[in-house]
Amino acid sequence: MRMSTNIKRTLALFAAIVGIFAGLCALTACGSGDVQAIKGEWQVQGTNVTVVFTDDKFKMVGNEYDYSVDSNAKTITYTSGAMQGVANYTLGEGGKQLTLVENDGAKTTVFDKVSDDTSAEPSAGEDPGTEG
């Protein structure tokens, strides 16, 4: 009988470990693809302006925002001081295009991925042919 109790405990422990592991894997994978895809350097479509998403910052020339991604709601929330905003996002072209829709559709910005470099510096989009 003692052996039967030990086997039951071992199986119960094994089942609990498998359940915890599966739960953690599901939580980690859920939306992590979006978060990883958003990180990097992006160019505002139709311009030479670039922005950079790091692990926790959204950087533009002269401005830096804290941001977070809700991959279930497909939103990016950003804050800087007292200013706060929320944008709906979509990723297209295999994660190489990011579209942000703000103010209930009043403003849409499309970005093309330049690189995955989170240490890049944003650019104001100066024409590279106009050196001074």
N, C-alpha and C. Protein backbone atom coordinates (compact mmCIF):
# COMPACT_ATOMS: atom_id res chain seq x y z
N MET A 1 0.81 -1.19 0.00
CA MET A 1 0.00 0.00 0.00
C MET A 1 0.85 1.26 0.00
N ARG A 2 1.93 1.23 0.71
CA ARG A 2 2.81 2.40 0.78
C ARG A 2 3.35 2.75 -0.60
N MET A 3 3.68 1.76 -1.36
CA MET A 3 4.19 2.01 -2.70
C MET A 3 3.12 2.68 -3.56
N SER A 4 1.90 2.30 -3.43
CA SER A 4 0.81 2.88 -4.18
C SER A 4 0.63 4.35 -3.85
N THR A 5 0.75 4.72 -2.59
CA THR A 5 0.63 6.11 -2.17
C THR A 5 1.78 6.94 -2.74
N ASN A 6 2.99 6.39 -2.70
CA ASN A 6 4.14 7.10 -3.26
C ASN A 6 4.00 7.31 -4.77
N ILE A 7 3.50 6.30 -5.44
CA ILE A 7 3.29 6.42 -6.88
C ILE A 7 2.25 7.50 -7.17
N LYS A 8 1.18 7.52 -6.41
CA LYS A 8 0.14 8.53 -6.60
C LYS A 8 0.71 9.92 -6.36
N ARG A 9 1.51 10.08 -5.32
CA ARG A 9 2.11 11.39 -5.03
C ARG A 9 3.06 11.81 -6.15
N THR A 10 3.84 10.86 -6.62
CA THR A 10 4.78 11.16 -7.70
C THR A 10 4.04 11.58 -8.96
N LEU A 11 2.99 10.84 -9.30
CA LEU A 11 2.20 11.18 -10.48
C LEU A 11 1.51 12.54 -10.33
N ALA A 12 0.99 12.80 -9.13
CA ALA A 12 0.33 14.08 -8.89
C ALA A 12 1.34 15.23 -9.00
N LEU A 13 2.53 15.05 -8.45
CA LEU A 13 3.58 16.05 -8.54
C LEU A 13 4.00 16.27 -9.99
N PHE A 14 4.17 15.18 -10.71
CA PHE A 14 4.54 15.26 -12.12
C PHE A 14 3.47 16.01 -12.91
N ALA A 15 2.20 15.70 -12.68
CA ALA A 15 1.09 16.37 -13.37
C ALA A 15 1.07 17.86 -13.04
N ALA A 16 1.33 18.21 -11.78
CA ALA A 16 1.36 19.62 -11.38
C ALA A 16 2.50 20.35 -12.08
N ILE A 17 3.67 19.73 -12.15
CA ILE A 17 4.82 20.35 -12.81
C ILE A 17 4.54 20.55 -14.29
N VAL A 18 3.98 19.55 -14.94
CA VAL A 18 3.64 19.66 -16.36
C VAL A 18 2.62 20.77 -16.56
N GLY A 19 1.63 20.85 -15.69
CA GLY A 19 0.61 21.89 -15.80
C GLY A 19 1.19 23.29 -15.63
N ILE A 20 2.05 23.45 -14.65
CA ILE A 20 2.69 24.75 -14.43
C ILE A 20 3.57 25.12 -15.62
N PHE A 21 4.35 24.16 -16.10
CA PHE A 21 5.22 24.41 -17.25
C PHE A 21 4.41 24.81 -18.48
N ALA A 22 3.32 24.10 -18.74
CA ALA A 22 2.47 24.41 -19.90
C ALA A 22 1.85 25.80 -19.75
N GLY A 23 1.42 26.14 -18.55
CA GLY A 23 0.84 27.47 -18.31
C GLY A 23 1.85 28.58 -18.53
N LEU A 24 3.06 28.39 -18.03
CA LEU A 24 4.11 29.40 -18.22
C LEU A 24 4.48 29.53 -19.69
N CYS A 25 4.56 28.43 -20.39
CA CYS A 25 4.88 28.49 -21.82
C CYS A 25 3.79 29.24 -22.57
N ALA A 26 2.55 28.99 -22.25
CA ALA A 26 1.44 29.67 -22.93
C ALA A 26 1.47 31.16 -22.63
N LEU A 27 1.71 31.54 -21.38
CA LEU A 27 1.78 32.96 -21.03
C LEU A 27 2.95 33.65 -21.72
N THR A 28 4.07 32.99 -21.77
CA THR A 28 5.25 33.57 -22.39
C THR A 28 5.05 33.74 -23.89
N ALA A 29 4.46 32.78 -24.52
CA ALA A 29 4.28 32.83 -25.97
C ALA A 29 3.16 33.76 -26.39
N CYS A 30 2.20 33.97 -25.52
CA CYS A 30 1.03 34.76 -25.86
C CYS A 30 1.43 36.21 -26.12
N GLY A 31 1.45 36.60 -27.37
CA GLY A 31 1.74 37.99 -27.71
C GLY A 31 3.20 38.35 -27.73
N SER A 32 4.07 37.45 -27.29
CA SER A 32 5.48 37.82 -27.25
C SER A 32 6.02 38.08 -28.64
N GLY A 33 5.42 37.48 -29.65
CA GLY A 33 5.85 37.73 -31.01
C GLY A 33 5.63 39.19 -31.40
N ASP A 34 4.50 39.78 -31.00
CA ASP A 34 4.23 41.19 -31.28
C ASP A 34 5.24 42.08 -30.57
N VAL A 35 5.47 41.81 -29.31
CA VAL A 35 6.39 42.63 -28.52
C VAL A 35 7.78 42.60 -29.16
N GLN A 36 8.24 41.43 -29.53
CA GLN A 36 9.55 41.31 -30.16
C GLN A 36 9.58 41.99 -31.52
N ALA A 37 8.51 41.85 -32.29
CA ALA A 37 8.46 42.44 -33.63
C ALA A 37 8.47 43.97 -33.58
N ILE A 38 7.87 44.55 -32.55
CA ILE A 38 7.79 46.00 -32.45
C ILE A 38 9.14 46.62 -32.09
N LYS A 39 9.95 45.91 -31.36
CA LYS A 39 11.26 46.45 -30.96
C LYS A 39 12.14 46.69 -32.18
N GLY A 40 12.82 47.82 -32.18
CA GLY A 40 13.77 48.12 -33.25
C GLY A 40 13.57 49.51 -33.82
N GLU A 41 14.22 49.74 -34.94
CA GLU A 41 14.18 51.03 -35.62
C GLU A 41 13.15 50.98 -36.75
N TRP A 42 12.31 52.02 -36.83
CA TRP A 42 11.24 52.10 -37.81
C TRP A 42 11.31 53.44 -38.54
N GLN A 43 10.97 53.42 -39.82
CA GLN A 43 10.92 54.64 -40.62
C GLN A 43 9.47 54.98 -40.91
N VAL A 44 9.10 56.26 -40.66
CA VAL A 44 7.75 56.70 -40.98
C VAL A 44 7.60 56.65 -42.49
N GLN A 45 6.62 55.92 -42.96
CA GLN A 45 6.45 55.69 -44.40
C GLN A 45 6.32 57.02 -45.15
N GLY A 46 7.06 57.13 -46.26
CA GLY A 46 7.01 58.33 -47.08
C GLY A 46 7.90 59.46 -46.60
N THR A 47 8.71 59.21 -45.55
CA THR A 47 9.61 60.23 -45.01
C THR A 47 10.97 59.60 -44.74
N ASN A 48 11.90 60.42 -44.27
CA ASN A 48 13.19 59.92 -43.79
C ASN A 48 13.23 59.88 -42.26
N VAL A 49 12.11 60.15 -41.60
CA VAL A 49 12.03 60.17 -40.14
C VAL A 49 12.05 58.75 -39.60
N THR A 50 12.91 58.52 -38.58
CA THR A 50 12.93 57.21 -37.93
C THR A 50 12.63 57.37 -36.44
N VAL A 51 12.06 56.32 -35.88
CA VAL A 51 11.79 56.21 -34.45
C VAL A 51 12.35 54.87 -33.98
N VAL A 52 12.51 54.74 -32.66
CA VAL A 52 13.08 53.51 -32.12
C VAL A 52 12.23 53.04 -30.94
N PHE A 53 11.87 51.75 -30.96
CA PHE A 53 11.23 51.10 -29.82
C PHE A 53 12.28 50.23 -29.15
N THR A 54 12.59 50.53 -27.87
CA THR A 54 13.49 49.68 -27.10
C THR A 54 12.62 48.72 -26.29
N ASP A 55 13.18 48.13 -25.25
CA ASP A 55 12.39 47.24 -24.40
C ASP A 55 11.22 47.97 -23.74
N ASP A 56 11.43 49.24 -23.36
CA ASP A 56 10.40 49.97 -22.64
C ASP A 56 10.25 51.43 -23.05
N LYS A 57 11.00 51.89 -24.05
CA LYS A 57 10.95 53.28 -24.49
C LYS A 57 10.59 53.36 -25.97
N PHE A 58 9.82 54.40 -26.29
CA PHE A 58 9.51 54.76 -27.67
C PHE A 58 10.21 56.09 -27.88
N LYS A 59 11.23 56.10 -28.74
CA LYS A 59 12.08 57.28 -28.90
C LYS A 59 11.87 57.94 -30.26
N MET A 60 11.66 59.26 -30.20
CA MET A 60 11.63 60.10 -31.39
C MET A 60 12.65 61.20 -31.14
N VAL A 61 13.05 61.92 -32.17
CA VAL A 61 13.97 63.04 -31.95
C VAL A 61 13.29 64.04 -31.03
N GLY A 62 13.94 64.33 -29.90
CA GLY A 62 13.42 65.33 -28.96
C GLY A 62 12.35 64.82 -28.01
N ASN A 63 11.95 63.58 -28.10
CA ASN A 63 10.92 63.03 -27.22
C ASN A 63 11.19 61.57 -26.93
N GLU A 64 10.85 61.17 -25.73
CA GLU A 64 10.98 59.77 -25.32
C GLU A 64 9.78 59.42 -24.45
N TYR A 65 9.14 58.31 -24.78
CA TYR A 65 7.95 57.87 -24.07
C TYR A 65 8.18 56.49 -23.46
N ASP A 66 7.62 56.26 -22.28
CA ASP A 66 7.51 54.90 -21.76
C ASP A 66 6.35 54.27 -22.52
N TYR A 67 6.45 52.99 -22.84
CA TYR A 67 5.33 52.36 -23.55
C TYR A 67 5.16 50.92 -23.08
N SER A 68 3.96 50.42 -23.31
CA SER A 68 3.69 49.00 -23.05
C SER A 68 2.75 48.50 -24.15
N VAL A 69 2.85 47.21 -24.41
CA VAL A 69 2.07 46.58 -25.46
C VAL A 69 1.07 45.62 -24.83
N ASP A 70 -0.18 45.74 -25.21
CA ASP A 70 -1.20 44.75 -24.85
C ASP A 70 -1.50 43.98 -26.12
N SER A 71 -0.85 42.83 -26.28
CA SER A 71 -0.97 42.08 -27.53
C SER A 71 -2.35 41.45 -27.70
N ASN A 72 -3.09 41.28 -26.62
CA ASN A 72 -4.45 40.75 -26.75
C ASN A 72 -5.39 41.81 -27.30
N ALA A 73 -5.29 43.03 -26.78
CA ALA A 73 -6.14 44.13 -27.25
C ALA A 73 -5.55 44.81 -28.48
N LYS A 74 -4.29 44.45 -28.83
CA LYS A 74 -3.58 45.06 -29.96
C LYS A 74 -3.46 46.58 -29.77
N THR A 75 -3.02 46.98 -28.56
CA THR A 75 -2.82 48.40 -28.27
C THR A 75 -1.42 48.65 -27.72
N ILE A 76 -0.95 49.85 -27.97
CA ILE A 76 0.28 50.36 -27.38
C ILE A 76 -0.11 51.58 -26.56
N THR A 77 0.23 51.57 -25.27
CA THR A 77 -0.02 52.70 -24.40
C THR A 77 1.32 53.39 -24.16
N TYR A 78 1.35 54.70 -24.30
CA TYR A 78 2.59 55.44 -24.12
C TYR A 78 2.36 56.63 -23.18
N THR A 79 3.39 56.95 -22.40
CA THR A 79 3.31 58.06 -21.46
C THR A 79 4.63 58.82 -21.44
N SER A 80 4.50 60.12 -21.22
CA SER A 80 5.65 60.99 -21.02
C SER A 80 5.19 62.12 -20.13
N GLY A 81 5.63 62.10 -18.88
CA GLY A 81 5.14 63.09 -17.93
C GLY A 81 3.64 62.95 -17.76
N ALA A 82 2.93 64.07 -17.95
CA ALA A 82 1.47 64.06 -17.79
C ALA A 82 0.76 63.60 -19.07
N MET A 83 1.49 63.52 -20.17
CA MET A 83 0.86 63.12 -21.43
C MET A 83 0.75 61.61 -21.53
N GLN A 84 -0.39 61.14 -21.98
CA GLN A 84 -0.60 59.71 -22.17
C GLN A 84 -1.43 59.50 -23.43
N GLY A 85 -1.16 58.43 -24.12
CA GLY A 85 -1.94 58.10 -25.30
C GLY A 85 -2.03 56.60 -25.50
N VAL A 86 -2.97 56.21 -26.33
CA VAL A 86 -3.17 54.81 -26.67
C VAL A 86 -3.37 54.74 -28.17
N ALA A 87 -2.71 53.77 -28.79
CA ALA A 87 -2.88 53.55 -30.22
C ALA A 87 -3.17 52.08 -30.46
N ASN A 88 -4.09 51.82 -31.36
CA ASN A 88 -4.29 50.45 -31.83
C ASN A 88 -3.19 50.17 -32.84
N TYR A 89 -2.70 48.95 -32.87
CA TYR A 89 -1.64 48.64 -33.81
C TYR A 89 -1.97 47.38 -34.60
N THR A 90 -1.37 47.33 -35.78
CA THR A 90 -1.38 46.10 -36.56
C THR A 90 0.04 45.91 -37.10
N LEU A 91 0.44 44.68 -37.18
CA LEU A 91 1.72 44.32 -37.78
C LEU A 91 1.42 43.62 -39.09
N GLY A 92 2.09 44.04 -40.14
CA GLY A 92 1.88 43.44 -41.44
C GLY A 92 3.19 43.07 -42.09
N GLU A 93 3.09 42.44 -43.22
CA GLU A 93 4.24 42.04 -44.02
C GLU A 93 5.28 41.29 -43.18
N GLY A 94 4.80 40.31 -42.43
CA GLY A 94 5.69 39.48 -41.63
C GLY A 94 6.40 40.24 -40.52
N GLY A 95 5.73 41.25 -39.96
CA GLY A 95 6.33 42.03 -38.88
C GLY A 95 7.21 43.16 -39.37
N LYS A 96 7.19 43.43 -40.66
CA LYS A 96 8.05 44.48 -41.24
C LYS A 96 7.30 45.79 -41.44
N GLN A 97 6.01 45.82 -41.12
CA GLN A 97 5.24 47.05 -41.23
C GLN A 97 4.36 47.19 -39.98
N LEU A 98 4.39 48.37 -39.39
CA LEU A 98 3.63 48.66 -38.17
C LEU A 98 2.70 49.83 -38.48
N THR A 99 1.42 49.65 -38.19
CA THR A 99 0.45 50.72 -38.38
C THR A 99 -0.13 51.07 -37.02
N LEU A 100 -0.06 52.36 -36.67
CA LEU A 100 -0.64 52.85 -35.42
C LEU A 100 -1.83 53.74 -35.76
N VAL A 101 -2.95 53.47 -35.11
CA VAL A 101 -4.17 54.25 -35.30
C VAL A 101 -4.51 54.87 -33.95
N GLU A 102 -4.50 56.22 -33.93
CA GLU A 102 -4.75 56.96 -32.69
C GLU A 102 -6.04 57.77 -32.81
N ASN A 103 -6.49 58.25 -31.66
CA ASN A 103 -7.64 59.15 -31.59
C ASN A 103 -8.85 58.61 -32.35
N ASP A 104 -9.20 57.36 -32.08
CA ASP A 104 -10.36 56.72 -32.70
C ASP A 104 -10.35 56.82 -34.22
N GLY A 105 -9.15 56.67 -34.78
CA GLY A 105 -9.03 56.65 -36.24
C GLY A 105 -8.70 57.99 -36.86
N ALA A 106 -8.60 59.05 -36.06
CA ALA A 106 -8.31 60.39 -36.60
C ALA A 106 -6.89 60.50 -37.13
N LYS A 107 -5.98 59.70 -36.59
CA LYS A 107 -4.57 59.76 -37.01
C LYS A 107 -4.05 58.35 -37.24
N THR A 108 -3.52 58.09 -38.41
CA THR A 108 -2.92 56.81 -38.74
C THR A 108 -1.50 57.05 -39.22
N THR A 109 -0.55 56.31 -38.64
CA THR A 109 0.85 56.40 -39.04
C THR A 109 1.33 55.00 -39.40
N VAL A 110 1.98 54.89 -40.55
CA VAL A 110 2.51 53.61 -41.01
C VAL A 110 4.03 53.68 -40.98
N PHE A 111 4.64 52.66 -40.40
CA PHE A 111 6.09 52.57 -40.27
C PHE A 111 6.59 51.33 -41.01
N ASP A 112 7.77 51.44 -41.59
CA ASP A 112 8.45 50.30 -42.19
C ASP A 112 9.67 49.98 -41.34
N LYS A 113 9.89 48.70 -41.08
CA LYS A 113 11.01 48.27 -40.23
C LYS A 113 12.33 48.54 -40.94
N VAL A 114 13.24 49.20 -40.23
CA VAL A 114 14.59 49.45 -40.73
C VAL A 114 15.52 48.37 -40.22
N SER A 115 15.43 48.11 -38.89
CA SER A 115 16.29 47.09 -38.29
C SER A 115 15.72 46.70 -36.93
N ASP A 116 16.30 45.65 -36.34
CA ASP A 116 15.93 45.22 -34.99
C ASP A 116 16.80 45.91 -33.94
N ASP A 117 17.57 46.90 -34.33
CA ASP A 117 18.53 47.58 -33.45
C ASP A 117 17.81 48.49 -32.46
N THR A 118 17.70 48.05 -31.21
CA THR A 118 17.03 48.87 -30.19
C THR A 118 17.95 49.96 -29.63
N SER A 119 19.22 49.94 -30.01
CA SER A 119 20.14 50.98 -29.55
C SER A 119 20.32 52.07 -30.60
N ALA A 120 19.62 51.97 -31.72
CA ALA A 120 19.70 53.00 -32.77
C ALA A 120 19.16 54.32 -32.22
N GLU A 121 19.56 55.40 -32.84
CA GLU A 121 19.05 56.72 -32.46
C GLU A 121 18.03 57.18 -33.49
N PRO A 122 16.95 57.79 -33.04
CA PRO A 122 15.94 58.28 -33.99
C PRO A 122 16.51 59.41 -34.84
N SER A 123 15.92 59.60 -36.00
CA SER A 123 16.38 60.61 -36.94
C SER A 123 15.23 61.56 -37.27
N ALA A 124 15.57 62.84 -37.44
CA ALA A 124 14.56 63.85 -37.78
C ALA A 124 14.25 63.84 -39.26
N GLY A 125 14.96 63.02 -40.03
CA GLY A 125 14.64 62.87 -41.44
C GLY A 125 15.28 63.90 -42.33
N GLU A 126 16.44 64.39 -41.94
CA GLU A 126 17.14 65.34 -42.78
C GLU A 126 17.53 64.67 -44.08
N ASP A 127 17.46 65.41 -45.15
CA ASP A 127 17.81 64.89 -46.46
C ASP A 127 19.30 64.58 -46.48
N PRO A 128 19.68 63.32 -46.70
CA PRO A 128 21.09 62.96 -46.66
C PRO A 128 21.93 63.69 -47.71
N GLY A 129 21.31 64.27 -48.73
CA GLY A 129 22.04 64.97 -49.77
C GLY A 129 22.34 66.42 -49.43
N THR A 130 21.92 66.89 -48.26
CA THR A 130 22.13 68.30 -47.90
C THR A 130 23.08 68.41 -46.72
N GLU A 131 24.33 68.13 -46.95
CA GLU A 131 25.32 68.27 -45.90
C GLU A 131 25.78 69.71 -45.84
N GLY A 132 26.08 70.17 -44.61
CA GLY A 132 26.45 71.56 -44.48
C GLY A 132 27.78 71.69 -43.97
